[in-house]
Amino acid sequence: MTISQENVHPDRNDVFSSAELRELTRRSSALALRRASVHVLLYAIAVTGAFVIDTWWATGLSWVLAGFVVASLHNVLHCASHGTFMNTFRGNQLAGRVAGTFLGMNSALYRVFHMHHHRNTHTVEDPEPDGTITTLGQYVMAMLNLEYFLGFLRMSAASLWHRYPYFVTSDRARSAIQRDTWILLVWILSMTVLTVLWPMVMLTLYIMPTAVAWIVNNFAIMPEHYYAERSDNPWRNTNSVYTRSKWFGFLNWNTNYHAEHHLYPGIPAWNLHEISKRVREHLACTETSYIRFHIRVLSDVLSGRAKADAPELTEGRATSFYYPLEKAAK
């Protein structure tokens, strides 16, 4: 990992001209759908292979390959939450809801959560949990991503009793969250019934690919702010991973350019590499490989450095996805 000590950073408004930003900010539903169709085709090939070859190794490989594709849905949800996936508000709303529901995520809740994160990155108001992984068990649990998944299910269910976390503050957001909760409940019930009726088919088509997807998702998400500076400076509080794996970047909608995304959140994913050309040299925290990042985390854990060098937690900031839930005022 490269950590720059440079304290002077350009103003974001001075890096690109207004004309350049207008061009880079242009959405394209056609491009989004073309790329998404490739993802659907890859998923179909992966799961079909399991049924055609019909061996244990083909089934296992299918789960993994399909899981990588399903993991991309979290990034569709992410892009749609910013309104950068499709040309229209309704298009982004639909794309986010489809992607989120397939993963078992409440898209409206995620949108509110993620926008609050962008406005308050690495401050006391940041809803992304603070903390350092100091044991192997914590790393395993983090990779399984259960707290994130179950934490959002808990908040979704609580919305039916009008209870919400601190970052949900408007009646409009609460209404949207409740609506998406009902959609999510219908989806979960439908998947449960189908699994009871055709367990092996559903294991290959949905359950195992989605379980793998949550692991892949955290594998890619963990580096975004880990090791970055705990400050509100967007040039220093977010990390980008400049992986050489073009296919991984393609599947994950270029979210490896995460610092670039925080600097210019209105830029569609497919233009983030253009942003990177101008800002990369000014970023404080970058990585060249996801594998290298995770090796560093494990090395710090096993050597004891993670515990010895763990920064102090920001007082008052969330440390888990199980936020206190309060009754909404009428």
C-alpha atoms as a PDB file:
ATOM      1  CA  MET A   1       0.000   0.000   0.000  1.00  0.00           C
ATOM      2  CA  THR A   2       1.190   3.491  -0.843  1.00  0.00           C
ATOM      3  CA  ILE A   3       0.504   6.191   1.744  1.00  0.00           C
ATOM      4  CA  SER A   4       1.511   9.681   0.704  1.00  0.00           C
ATOM      5  CA  GLN A   5       2.625  12.214   3.269  1.00  0.00           C
ATOM      6  CA  GLU A   6       1.768  15.124   0.981  1.00  0.00           C
ATOM      7  CA  ASN A   7      -0.566  17.520   2.793  1.00  0.00           C
ATOM      8  CA  VAL A   8      -1.436  19.789  -0.146  1.00  0.00           C
ATOM      9  CA  HIS A   9      -4.205  18.617  -2.433  1.00  0.00           C
ATOM     10  CA  PRO A  10      -5.899  20.384  -5.327  1.00  0.00           C
ATOM     11  CA  ASP A  11      -9.414  21.726  -5.065  1.00  0.00           C
ATOM     12  CA  ARG A  12     -11.780  19.211  -6.654  1.00  0.00           C
ATOM     13  CA  ASN A  13     -13.385  22.003  -8.651  1.00  0.00           C
ATOM     14  CA  ASP A  14     -10.044  22.897 -10.243  1.00  0.00           C
ATOM     15  CA  VAL A  15      -9.073  19.437 -11.531  1.00  0.00           C
ATOM     16  CA  PHE A  16     -11.632  19.326 -14.347  1.00  0.00           C
ATOM     17  CA  SER A  17     -13.282  22.066 -16.337  1.00  0.00           C
ATOM     18  CA  SER A  18     -17.054  22.439 -16.224  1.00  0.00           C
ATOM     19  CA  ALA A  19     -17.297  21.087 -19.768  1.00  0.00           C
ATOM     20  CA  GLU A  20     -15.200  18.043 -18.885  1.00  0.00           C
ATOM     21  CA  LEU A  21     -17.308  17.301 -15.830  1.00  0.00           C
ATOM     22  CA  ARG A  22     -20.524  17.608 -17.827  1.00  0.00           C
ATOM     23  CA  GLU A  23     -19.206  15.050 -20.295  1.00  0.00           C
ATOM     24  CA  LEU A  24     -17.917  12.696 -17.610  1.00  0.00           C
ATOM     25  CA  THR A  25     -21.164  12.951 -15.631  1.00  0.00           C
ATOM     26  CA  ARG A  26     -23.330  11.931 -18.582  1.00  0.00           C
ATOM     27  CA  ARG A  27     -25.420   8.836 -17.803  1.00  0.00           C
ATOM     28  CA  SER A  28     -26.143   6.074 -20.308  1.00  0.00           C
ATOM     29  CA  SER A  29     -28.943   3.613 -19.700  1.00  0.00           C
ATOM     30  CA  ALA A  30     -28.005   1.832 -22.929  1.00  0.00           C
ATOM     31  CA  LEU A  31     -24.410   1.298 -21.771  1.00  0.00           C
ATOM     32  CA  ALA A  32     -25.554   0.169 -18.324  1.00  0.00           C
ATOM     33  CA  LEU A  33     -27.975  -2.352 -19.791  1.00  0.00           C
ATOM     34  CA  ARG A  34     -25.411  -3.674 -22.261  1.00  0.00           C
ATOM     35  CA  ARG A  35     -22.922  -4.289 -19.483  1.00  0.00           C
ATOM     36  CA  ALA A  36     -25.606  -5.770 -17.237  1.00  0.00           C
ATOM     37  CA  SER A  37     -26.645  -8.142 -20.029  1.00  0.00           C
ATOM     38  CA  VAL A  38     -23.085  -9.491 -20.144  1.00  0.00           C
ATOM     39  CA  HIS A  39     -23.306 -10.138 -16.401  1.00  0.00           C
ATOM     40  CA  VAL A  40     -26.601 -11.980 -16.857  1.00  0.00           C
ATOM     41  CA  LEU A  41     -25.076 -14.092 -19.632  1.00  0.00           C
ATOM     42  CA  LEU A  42     -22.062 -14.993 -17.473  1.00  0.00           C
ATOM     43  CA  TYR A  43     -24.389 -15.975 -14.615  1.00  0.00           C
ATOM     44  CA  ALA A  44     -26.507 -18.115 -16.970  1.00  0.00           C
ATOM     45  CA  ILE A  45     -23.411 -19.884 -18.318  1.00  0.00           C
ATOM     46  CA  ALA A  46     -22.132 -20.592 -14.807  1.00  0.00           C
ATOM     47  CA  VAL A  47     -25.335 -22.123 -13.457  1.00  0.00           C
ATOM     48  CA  THR A  48     -26.135 -23.982 -16.691  1.00  0.00           C
ATOM     49  CA  GLY A  49     -22.712 -25.601 -16.564  1.00  0.00           C
ATOM     50  CA  ALA A  50     -23.551 -27.121 -13.186  1.00  0.00           C
ATOM     51  CA  PHE A  51     -26.676 -28.818 -14.523  1.00  0.00           C
ATOM     52  CA  VAL A  52     -25.113 -29.949 -17.815  1.00  0.00           C
ATOM     53  CA  ILE A  53     -21.884 -31.387 -16.389  1.00  0.00           C
ATOM     54  CA  ASP A  54     -23.646 -32.565 -13.214  1.00  0.00           C
ATOM     55  CA  THR A  55     -20.605 -33.424 -11.078  1.00  0.00           C
ATOM     56  CA  TRP A  56     -19.680 -32.223  -7.601  1.00  0.00           C
ATOM     57  CA  TRP A  57     -16.724 -30.192  -8.840  1.00  0.00           C
ATOM     58  CA  ALA A  58     -18.749 -28.550 -11.615  1.00  0.00           C
ATOM     59  CA  THR A  59     -21.452 -27.639  -9.108  1.00  0.00           C
ATOM     60  CA  GLY A  60     -18.915 -26.157  -6.680  1.00  0.00           C
ATOM     61  CA  LEU A  61     -17.201 -24.217  -9.451  1.00  0.00           C
ATOM     62  CA  SER A  62     -20.578 -22.980 -10.635  1.00  0.00           C
ATOM     63  CA  TRP A  63     -21.384 -21.625  -7.167  1.00  0.00           C
ATOM     64  CA  VAL A  64     -18.139 -19.667  -7.081  1.00  0.00           C
ATOM     65  CA  LEU A  65     -18.319 -18.305 -10.633  1.00  0.00           C
ATOM     66  CA  ALA A  66     -21.990 -17.379 -10.329  1.00  0.00           C
ATOM     67  CA  GLY A  67     -21.229 -15.855  -6.914  1.00  0.00           C
ATOM     68  CA  PHE A  68     -18.712 -13.450  -8.445  1.00  0.00           C
ATOM     69  CA  VAL A  69     -21.365 -12.311 -10.910  1.00  0.00           C
ATOM     70  CA  VAL A  70     -24.086 -11.970  -8.248  1.00  0.00           C
ATOM     71  CA  ALA A  71     -21.681  -9.908  -6.133  1.00  0.00           C
ATOM     72  CA  SER A  72     -21.764  -7.289  -8.888  1.00  0.00           C
ATOM     73  CA  LEU A  73     -25.392  -6.594  -7.975  1.00  0.00           C
ATOM     74  CA  HIS A  74     -24.235  -4.797  -4.839  1.00  0.00           C
ATOM     75  CA  ASN A  75     -22.383  -2.374  -7.085  1.00  0.00           C
ATOM     76  CA  VAL A  76     -25.452  -1.939  -9.284  1.00  0.00           C
ATOM     77  CA  LEU A  77     -27.319  -1.043  -6.081  1.00  0.00           C
ATOM     78  CA  HIS A  78     -24.487   1.326  -5.191  1.00  0.00           C
ATOM     79  CA  CYS A  79     -24.466   3.091  -8.570  1.00  0.00           C
ATOM     80  CA  ALA A  80     -28.262   3.303  -8.659  1.00  0.00           C
ATOM     81  CA  SER A  81     -28.256   4.875  -5.178  1.00  0.00           C
ATOM     82  CA  HIS A  82     -26.134   7.698  -6.590  1.00  0.00           C
ATOM     83  CA  GLY A  83     -28.400   8.010  -9.602  1.00  0.00           C
ATOM     84  CA  THR A  84     -25.534   7.220 -11.967  1.00  0.00           C
ATOM     85  CA  PHE A  85     -26.595   3.820 -13.293  1.00  0.00           C
ATOM     86  CA  MET A  86     -29.525   4.830 -15.505  1.00  0.00           C
ATOM     87  CA  ASN A  87     -30.638   8.069 -17.161  1.00  0.00           C
ATOM     88  CA  THR A  88     -33.759   8.563 -15.062  1.00  0.00           C
ATOM     89  CA  PHE A  89     -34.737   8.591 -11.407  1.00  0.00           C
ATOM     90  CA  ARG A  90     -37.253   5.789 -11.924  1.00  0.00           C
ATOM     91  CA  GLY A  91     -34.736   3.753 -13.876  1.00  0.00           C
ATOM     92  CA  ASN A  92     -32.215   4.010 -11.066  1.00  0.00           C
ATOM     93  CA  GLN A  93     -34.904   3.255  -8.494  1.00  0.00           C
ATOM     94  CA  LEU A  94     -35.935   0.097 -10.363  1.00  0.00           C
ATOM     95  CA  ALA A  95     -32.337  -1.045 -10.961  1.00  0.00           C
ATOM     96  CA  GLY A  96     -31.473  -0.537  -7.298  1.00  0.00           C
ATOM     97  CA  ARG A  97     -34.572  -2.351  -6.109  1.00  0.00           C
ATOM     98  CA  VAL A  98     -34.014  -5.360  -8.395  1.00  0.00           C
ATOM     99  CA  ALA A  99     -30.310  -5.644  -7.484  1.00  0.00           C
ATOM    100  CA  GLY A 100     -30.887  -5.086  -3.775  1.00  0.00           C
ATOM    101  CA  THR A 101     -33.841  -7.439  -3.468  1.00  0.00           C
ATOM    102  CA  PHE A 102     -31.954 -10.271  -5.195  1.00  0.00           C
ATOM    103  CA  LEU A 103     -29.221  -9.878  -2.557  1.00  0.00           C
ATOM    104  CA  GLY A 104     -31.706  -9.598   0.304  1.00  0.00           C
ATOM    105  CA  MET A 105     -31.030  -5.864   0.737  1.00  0.00           C
ATOM    106  CA  ASN A 106     -33.518  -3.061   1.267  1.00  0.00           C
ATOM    107  CA  SER A 107     -32.553  -0.674  -1.539  1.00  0.00           C
ATOM    108  CA  ALA A 108     -34.219   2.420  -0.040  1.00  0.00           C
ATOM    109  CA  LEU A 109     -32.540   1.816   3.312  1.00  0.00           C
ATOM    110  CA  TYR A 110     -29.172   1.288   1.645  1.00  0.00           C
ATOM    111  CA  ARG A 111     -29.564   4.530  -0.309  1.00  0.00           C
ATOM    112  CA  VAL A 112     -30.155   6.582   2.844  1.00  0.00           C
ATOM    113  CA  PHE A 113     -27.324   4.791   4.656  1.00  0.00           C
ATOM    114  CA  HIS A 114     -24.877   5.298   1.809  1.00  0.00           C
ATOM    115  CA  MET A 115     -25.680   8.952   1.197  1.00  0.00           C
ATOM    116  CA  HIS A 116     -25.166   9.628   4.908  1.00  0.00           C
ATOM    117  CA  HIS A 117     -21.804   7.850   4.680  1.00  0.00           C
ATOM    118  CA  HIS A 118     -20.713  10.081   1.795  1.00  0.00           C
ATOM    119  CA  ARG A 119     -21.678  13.245   3.634  1.00  0.00           C
ATOM    120  CA  ASN A 120     -19.910  12.159   6.826  1.00  0.00           C
ATOM    121  CA  THR A 121     -17.024   9.874   5.820  1.00  0.00           C
ATOM    122  CA  HIS A 122     -14.795   9.029   8.801  1.00  0.00           C
ATOM    123  CA  THR A 123     -16.581  11.473  11.103  1.00  0.00           C
ATOM    124  CA  VAL A 124     -18.677  10.741  14.173  1.00  0.00           C
ATOM    125  CA  GLU A 125     -21.814  10.709  11.987  1.00  0.00           C
ATOM    126  CA  ASP A 126     -20.448   8.099   9.555  1.00  0.00           C
ATOM    127  CA  PRO A 127     -22.765   5.044   9.672  1.00  0.00           C
ATOM    128  CA  GLU A 128     -20.038   2.723   8.359  1.00  0.00           C
ATOM    129  CA  PRO A 129     -18.731   1.025  11.519  1.00  0.00           C
ATOM    130  CA  ASP A 130     -15.378   2.101  12.928  1.00  0.00           C
ATOM    131  CA  GLY A 131     -12.814  -0.380  14.199  1.00  0.00           C
ATOM    132  CA  THR A 132      -9.757  -2.497  13.486  1.00  0.00           C
ATOM    133  CA  ILE A 133      -9.623  -6.255  12.927  1.00  0.00           C
ATOM    134  CA  THR A 134      -7.281  -7.637  15.588  1.00  0.00           C
ATOM    135  CA  THR A 135      -8.014 -11.382  15.639  1.00  0.00           C
ATOM    136  CA  LEU A 136      -8.323 -14.109  13.039  1.00  0.00           C
ATOM    137  CA  GLY A 137     -11.875 -14.789  14.204  1.00  0.00           C
ATOM    138  CA  GLN A 138     -12.840 -11.168  13.573  1.00  0.00           C
ATOM    139  CA  TYR A 139     -11.376 -11.375  10.075  1.00  0.00           C
ATOM    140  CA  VAL A 140     -13.330 -14.570   9.287  1.00  0.00           C
ATOM    141  CA  MET A 141     -16.563 -13.027  10.565  1.00  0.00           C
ATOM    142  CA  ALA A 142     -15.894  -9.849   8.578  1.00  0.00           C
ATOM    143  CA  MET A 143     -15.374 -11.861   5.398  1.00  0.00           C
ATOM    144  CA  LEU A 144     -18.606 -13.793   5.935  1.00  0.00           C
ATOM    145  CA  ASN A 145     -20.336 -10.388   5.992  1.00  0.00           C
ATOM    146  CA  LEU A 146     -23.115 -11.644   8.240  1.00  0.00           C
ATOM    147  CA  GLU A 147     -23.309  -8.539  10.417  1.00  0.00           C
ATOM    148  CA  TYR A 148     -23.865  -6.297   7.391  1.00  0.00           C
ATOM    149  CA  PHE A 149     -26.516  -8.596   5.947  1.00  0.00           C
ATOM    150  CA  LEU A 150     -28.330  -9.294   9.228  1.00  0.00           C
ATOM    151  CA  GLY A 151     -27.994  -5.689  10.383  1.00  0.00           C
ATOM    152  CA  PHE A 152     -29.863  -4.451   7.327  1.00  0.00           C
ATOM    153  CA  LEU A 153     -32.511  -7.174   7.665  1.00  0.00           C
ATOM    154  CA  ARG A 154     -33.003  -6.110  11.291  1.00  0.00           C
ATOM    155  CA  MET A 155     -33.445  -2.452  10.312  1.00  0.00           C
ATOM    156  CA  SER A 156     -35.826  -3.402   7.508  1.00  0.00           C
ATOM    157  CA  ALA A 157     -38.005  -5.499   9.817  1.00  0.00           C
ATOM    158  CA  ALA A 158     -37.987  -2.763  12.482  1.00  0.00           C
ATOM    159  CA  SER A 159     -39.317  -0.254   9.953  1.00  0.00           C
ATOM    160  CA  LEU A 160     -42.654  -2.087  10.001  1.00  0.00           C
ATOM    161  CA  TRP A 161     -42.916  -0.989  13.649  1.00  0.00           C
ATOM    162  CA  HIS A 162     -41.745   2.522  12.725  1.00  0.00           C
ATOM    163  CA  ARG A 163     -38.334   2.113  14.323  1.00  0.00           C
ATOM    164  CA  TYR A 164     -35.274   3.439  12.473  1.00  0.00           C
ATOM    165  CA  PRO A 165     -31.555   4.110  12.897  1.00  0.00           C
ATOM    166  CA  TYR A 166     -30.319   7.658  13.471  1.00  0.00           C
ATOM    167  CA  PHE A 167     -29.542   8.375   9.807  1.00  0.00           C
ATOM    168  CA  VAL A 168     -33.155   7.881   8.630  1.00  0.00           C
ATOM    169  CA  THR A 169     -34.696  11.274   9.316  1.00  0.00           C
ATOM    170  CA  SER A 170     -37.377  12.040   6.714  1.00  0.00           C
ATOM    171  CA  ASP A 171     -40.913  10.741   6.294  1.00  0.00           C
ATOM    172  CA  ARG A 172     -40.230  10.173   2.594  1.00  0.00           C
ATOM    173  CA  ALA A 173     -37.269   7.926   3.380  1.00  0.00           C
ATOM    174  CA  ARG A 174     -39.249   6.016   5.998  1.00  0.00           C
ATOM    175  CA  SER A 175     -42.094   5.402   3.563  1.00  0.00           C
ATOM    176  CA  ALA A 176     -39.680   4.145   0.887  1.00  0.00           C
ATOM    177  CA  ILE A 177     -37.935   1.865   3.370  1.00  0.00           C
ATOM    178  CA  GLN A 178     -41.242   0.350   4.505  1.00  0.00           C
ATOM    179  CA  ARG A 179     -42.295  -0.234   0.884  1.00  0.00           C
ATOM    180  CA  ASP A 180     -39.036  -1.984   0.056  1.00  0.00           C
ATOM    181  CA  THR A 181     -39.312  -4.027   3.246  1.00  0.00           C
ATOM    182  CA  TRP A 182     -42.607  -5.495   2.050  1.00  0.00           C
ATOM    183  CA  ILE A 183     -41.061  -6.242  -1.351  1.00  0.00           C
ATOM    184  CA  LEU A 184     -38.142  -7.922   0.405  1.00  0.00           C
ATOM    185  CA  LEU A 185     -40.446 -10.019   2.588  1.00  0.00           C
ATOM    186  CA  VAL A 186     -42.363 -11.265  -0.458  1.00  0.00           C
ATOM    187  CA  TRP A 187     -39.062 -12.132  -2.153  1.00  0.00           C
ATOM    188  CA  ILE A 188     -37.697 -14.004   0.867  1.00  0.00           C
ATOM    189  CA  LEU A 189     -40.955 -15.932   1.257  1.00  0.00           C
ATOM    190  CA  SER A 190     -40.946 -16.832  -2.446  1.00  0.00           C
ATOM    191  CA  MET A 191     -37.323 -18.023  -2.323  1.00  0.00           C
ATOM    192  CA  THR A 192     -38.092 -20.068   0.785  1.00  0.00           C
ATOM    193  CA  VAL A 193     -41.062 -21.817  -0.841  1.00  0.00           C
ATOM    194  CA  LEU A 194     -39.079 -22.532  -4.012  1.00  0.00           C
ATOM    195  CA  THR A 195     -36.190 -23.917  -1.957  1.00  0.00           C
ATOM    196  CA  VAL A 196     -38.525 -26.284  -0.093  1.00  0.00           C
ATOM    197  CA  LEU A 197     -39.965 -27.494  -3.403  1.00  0.00           C
ATOM    198  CA  TRP A 198     -36.689 -27.763  -5.363  1.00  0.00           C
ATOM    199  CA  PRO A 199     -33.807 -27.602  -2.871  1.00  0.00           C
ATOM    200  CA  MET A 200     -30.910 -28.688  -5.118  1.00  0.00           C
ATOM    201  CA  VAL A 201     -32.020 -26.487  -7.997  1.00  0.00           C
ATOM    202  CA  MET A 202     -32.323 -23.448  -5.744  1.00  0.00           C
ATOM    203  CA  LEU A 203     -28.970 -24.155  -4.103  1.00  0.00           C
ATOM    204  CA  THR A 204     -27.301 -23.837  -7.497  1.00  0.00           C
ATOM    205  CA  LEU A 205     -29.473 -21.101  -8.965  1.00  0.00           C
ATOM    206  CA  TYR A 206     -29.675 -18.780  -5.984  1.00  0.00           C
ATOM    207  CA  ILE A 207     -28.690 -19.732  -2.445  1.00  0.00           C
ATOM    208  CA  MET A 208     -25.026 -20.690  -2.826  1.00  0.00           C
ATOM    209  CA  PRO A 209     -24.162 -18.051  -5.466  1.00  0.00           C
ATOM    210  CA  THR A 210     -25.683 -15.398  -3.195  1.00  0.00           C
ATOM    211  CA  ALA A 211     -23.773 -16.700  -0.152  1.00  0.00           C
ATOM    212  CA  VAL A 212     -20.532 -16.594  -2.154  1.00  0.00           C
ATOM    213  CA  ALA A 213     -21.474 -13.124  -3.404  1.00  0.00           C
ATOM    214  CA  TRP A 214     -21.601 -11.712   0.124  1.00  0.00           C
ATOM    215  CA  ILE A 215     -18.065 -12.967   0.778  1.00  0.00           C
ATOM    216  CA  VAL A 216     -16.795 -11.585  -2.533  1.00  0.00           C
ATOM    217  CA  ASN A 217     -18.581  -8.340  -1.765  1.00  0.00           C
ATOM    218  CA  ASN A 218     -16.725  -7.787   1.501  1.00  0.00           C
ATOM    219  CA  PHE A 219     -13.452  -8.922  -0.086  1.00  0.00           C
ATOM    220  CA  ALA A 220     -13.822  -5.919  -2.411  1.00  0.00           C
ATOM    221  CA  ILE A 221     -15.407  -3.471   0.043  1.00  0.00           C
ATOM    222  CA  MET A 222     -13.051  -3.893   2.998  1.00  0.00           C
ATOM    223  CA  PRO A 223     -10.138  -1.958   1.438  1.00  0.00           C
ATOM    224  CA  GLU A 224     -12.272   1.118   0.717  1.00  0.00           C
ATOM    225  CA  HIS A 225     -11.528   2.922   3.992  1.00  0.00           C
ATOM    226  CA  TYR A 226      -9.416   0.472   5.981  1.00  0.00           C
ATOM    227  CA  TYR A 227      -5.932   1.919   6.678  1.00  0.00           C
ATOM    228  CA  ALA A 228      -7.070   5.283   5.303  1.00  0.00           C
ATOM    229  CA  GLU A 229      -6.794   8.427   7.389  1.00  0.00           C
ATOM    230  CA  ARG A 230      -9.564   9.017   9.916  1.00  0.00           C
ATOM    231  CA  SER A 231     -10.454  12.516   8.783  1.00  0.00           C
ATOM    232  CA  ASP A 232     -12.990  14.337   6.619  1.00  0.00           C
ATOM    233  CA  ASN A 233     -10.390  14.958   3.892  1.00  0.00           C
ATOM    234  CA  PRO A 234     -11.592  13.032   0.795  1.00  0.00           C
ATOM    235  CA  TRP A 235      -8.046  12.941  -0.608  1.00  0.00           C
ATOM    236  CA  ARG A 236      -6.867  11.012   2.452  1.00  0.00           C
ATOM    237  CA  ASN A 237      -9.827   9.143   3.999  1.00  0.00           C
ATOM    238  CA  THR A 238     -10.572   6.752   1.121  1.00  0.00           C
ATOM    239  CA  ASN A 239      -8.516   4.116  -0.653  1.00  0.00           C
ATOM    240  CA  SER A 240      -8.426   3.016  -4.290  1.00  0.00           C
ATOM    241  CA  VAL A 241      -7.243  -0.407  -5.417  1.00  0.00           C
ATOM    242  CA  TYR A 242      -5.499  -0.298  -8.792  1.00  0.00           C
ATOM    243  CA  THR A 243      -5.908  -3.946  -9.609  1.00  0.00           C
ATOM    244  CA  ARG A 244      -4.554  -5.241 -12.902  1.00  0.00           C
ATOM    245  CA  SER A 245      -7.519  -7.601 -13.168  1.00  0.00           C
ATOM    246  CA  LYS A 246      -9.700  -6.014 -15.845  1.00  0.00           C
ATOM    247  CA  TRP A 247     -12.412  -8.655 -15.456  1.00  0.00           C
ATOM    248  CA  PHE A 248     -12.695  -7.998 -11.697  1.00  0.00           C
ATOM    249  CA  GLY A 249     -13.025  -4.286 -12.388  1.00  0.00           C
ATOM    250  CA  PHE A 250     -15.632  -5.007 -15.052  1.00  0.00           C
ATOM    251  CA  LEU A 251     -17.705  -7.266 -12.800  1.00  0.00           C
ATOM    252  CA  ASN A 252     -17.539  -4.755  -9.938  1.00  0.00           C
ATOM    253  CA  TRP A 253     -18.411  -1.708 -12.039  1.00  0.00           C
ATOM    254  CA  ASN A 254     -15.027  -0.047 -11.383  1.00  0.00           C
ATOM    255  CA  THR A 255     -15.677   0.385  -7.667  1.00  0.00           C
ATOM    256  CA  ASN A 256     -11.982  -0.257  -7.102  1.00  0.00           C
ATOM    257  CA  TYR A 257     -11.651   3.462  -7.982  1.00  0.00           C
ATOM    258  CA  HIS A 258     -13.233   4.281  -4.644  1.00  0.00           C
ATOM    259  CA  ALA A 259     -11.302   7.434  -3.764  1.00  0.00           C
ATOM    260  CA  GLU A 260     -12.139   8.812  -7.198  1.00  0.00           C
ATOM    261  CA  HIS A 261     -15.788   7.965  -6.561  1.00  0.00           C
ATOM    262  CA  HIS A 262     -15.797   9.820  -3.218  1.00  0.00           C
ATOM    263  CA  LEU A 263     -14.230  12.859  -4.839  1.00  0.00           C
ATOM    264  CA  TYR A 264     -16.735  12.850  -7.709  1.00  0.00           C
ATOM    265  CA  PRO A 265     -19.754  10.754  -6.635  1.00  0.00           C
ATOM    266  CA  GLY A 266     -21.852  11.889  -9.591  1.00  0.00           C
ATOM    267  CA  ILE A 267     -19.579  10.235 -12.161  1.00  0.00           C
ATOM    268  CA  PRO A 268     -20.896   6.947 -13.649  1.00  0.00           C
ATOM    269  CA  ALA A 269     -18.763   3.909 -12.859  1.00  0.00           C
ATOM    270  CA  TRP A 270     -17.511   3.478 -16.425  1.00  0.00           C
ATOM    271  CA  ASN A 271     -15.886   6.947 -16.360  1.00  0.00           C
ATOM    272  CA  LEU A 272     -14.039   6.612 -13.058  1.00  0.00           C
ATOM    273  CA  HIS A 273     -10.857   5.484 -14.817  1.00  0.00           C
ATOM    274  CA  GLU A 274     -10.809   8.860 -16.574  1.00  0.00           C
ATOM    275  CA  ILE A 275     -11.103  10.613 -13.213  1.00  0.00           C
ATOM    276  CA  SER A 276      -8.240   8.490 -11.920  1.00  0.00           C
ATOM    277  CA  LYS A 277      -5.846   9.765 -14.581  1.00  0.00           C
ATOM    278  CA  ARG A 278      -5.986  13.257 -13.065  1.00  0.00           C
ATOM    279  CA  VAL A 279      -6.284  12.554  -9.339  1.00  0.00           C
ATOM    280  CA  ARG A 280      -4.301   9.365  -8.681  1.00  0.00           C
ATOM    281  CA  GLU A 281      -1.023  11.144  -7.937  1.00  0.00           C
ATOM    282  CA  HIS A 282      -2.711  13.275  -5.288  1.00  0.00           C
ATOM    283  CA  LEU A 283      -4.334  10.424  -3.351  1.00  0.00           C
ATOM    284  CA  ALA A 284      -2.866   9.613   0.039  1.00  0.00           C
ATOM    285  CA  CYS A 285      -3.820   5.956   0.225  1.00  0.00           C
ATOM    286  CA  THR A 286      -3.737   3.476  -2.671  1.00  0.00           C
ATOM    287  CA  GLU A 287      -3.292  -0.255  -3.154  1.00  0.00           C
ATOM    288  CA  THR A 288      -2.157  -2.284  -6.150  1.00  0.00           C
ATOM    289  CA  SER A 289      -3.925  -5.559  -5.376  1.00  0.00           C
ATOM    290  CA  TYR A 290      -6.891  -6.861  -3.401  1.00  0.00           C
ATOM    291  CA  ILE A 291      -4.877  -9.969  -2.571  1.00  0.00           C
ATOM    292  CA  ARG A 292      -1.973  -7.867  -1.305  1.00  0.00           C
ATOM    293  CA  PHE A 293      -4.346  -5.818   0.848  1.00  0.00           C
ATOM    294  CA  HIS A 294      -5.823  -8.903   2.519  1.00  0.00           C
ATOM    295  CA  ILE A 295      -2.374 -10.415   3.030  1.00  0.00           C
ATOM    296  CA  ARG A 296      -1.398  -7.212   4.827  1.00  0.00           C
ATOM    297  CA  VAL A 297      -4.487  -7.352   7.048  1.00  0.00           C
ATOM    298  CA  LEU A 298      -3.804 -10.995   7.967  1.00  0.00           C
ATOM    299  CA  SER A 299      -0.116 -10.271   8.532  1.00  0.00           C
ATOM    300  CA  ASP A 300      -0.989  -7.427  10.898  1.00  0.00           C
ATOM    301  CA  VAL A 301      -3.466  -9.642  12.758  1.00  0.00           C
ATOM    302  CA  LEU A 302      -1.189 -12.669  13.119  1.00  0.00           C
ATOM    303  CA  SER A 303       1.871 -10.591  14.105  1.00  0.00           C
ATOM    304  CA  GLY A 304      -0.034  -8.580  16.710  1.00  0.00           C
ATOM    305  CA  ARG A 305       0.610  -5.279  14.911  1.00  0.00           C
ATOM    306  CA  ALA A 306      -3.108  -4.752  14.332  1.00  0.00           C
ATOM    307  CA  LYS A 307      -3.817  -4.774  18.056  1.00  0.00           C
ATOM    308  CA  ALA A 308      -0.733  -2.780  19.021  1.00  0.00           C
ATOM    309  CA  ASP A 309      -1.208  -0.088  16.370  1.00  0.00           C
ATOM    310  CA  ALA A 310      -5.010   0.102  16.334  1.00  0.00           C
ATOM    311  CA  PRO A 311      -6.102   3.752  16.291  1.00  0.00           C
ATOM    312  CA  GLU A 312      -8.516   4.957  18.939  1.00  0.00           C
ATOM    313  CA  LEU A 313     -12.173   4.685  18.021  1.00  0.00           C
ATOM    314  CA  THR A 314     -13.973   7.902  17.234  1.00  0.00           C
ATOM    315  CA  GLU A 315     -16.110   8.620  20.278  1.00  0.00           C
ATOM    316  CA  GLY A 316     -19.787   8.307  19.488  1.00  0.00           C
ATOM    317  CA  ARG A 317     -19.298   6.677  16.093  1.00  0.00           C
ATOM    318  CA  ALA A 318     -21.022   3.380  15.254  1.00  0.00           C
ATOM    319  CA  THR A 319     -18.930   0.239  15.755  1.00  0.00           C
ATOM    320  CA  SER A 320     -21.370  -2.248  14.218  1.00  0.00           C
ATOM    321  CA  PHE A 321     -24.349  -2.421  11.888  1.00  0.00           C
ATOM    322  CA  TYR A 322     -26.647  -3.108  14.850  1.00  0.00           C
ATOM    323  CA  TYR A 323     -27.504   0.527  15.453  1.00  0.00           C
ATOM    324  CA  PRO A 324     -29.904   1.632  18.195  1.00  0.00           C
ATOM    325  CA  LEU A 325     -33.344   1.965  16.669  1.00  0.00           C
ATOM    326  CA  GLU A 326     -35.725   4.738  17.705  1.00  0.00           C
ATOM    327  CA  LYS A 327     -39.462   5.164  17.220  1.00  0.00           C
ATOM    328  CA  ALA A 328     -40.130   7.704  14.493  1.00  0.00           C
ATOM    329  CA  ALA A 329     -41.867  10.831  15.688  1.00  0.00           C
ATOM    330  CA  LYS A 330     -45.321  11.316  14.187  1.00  0.00           C
END
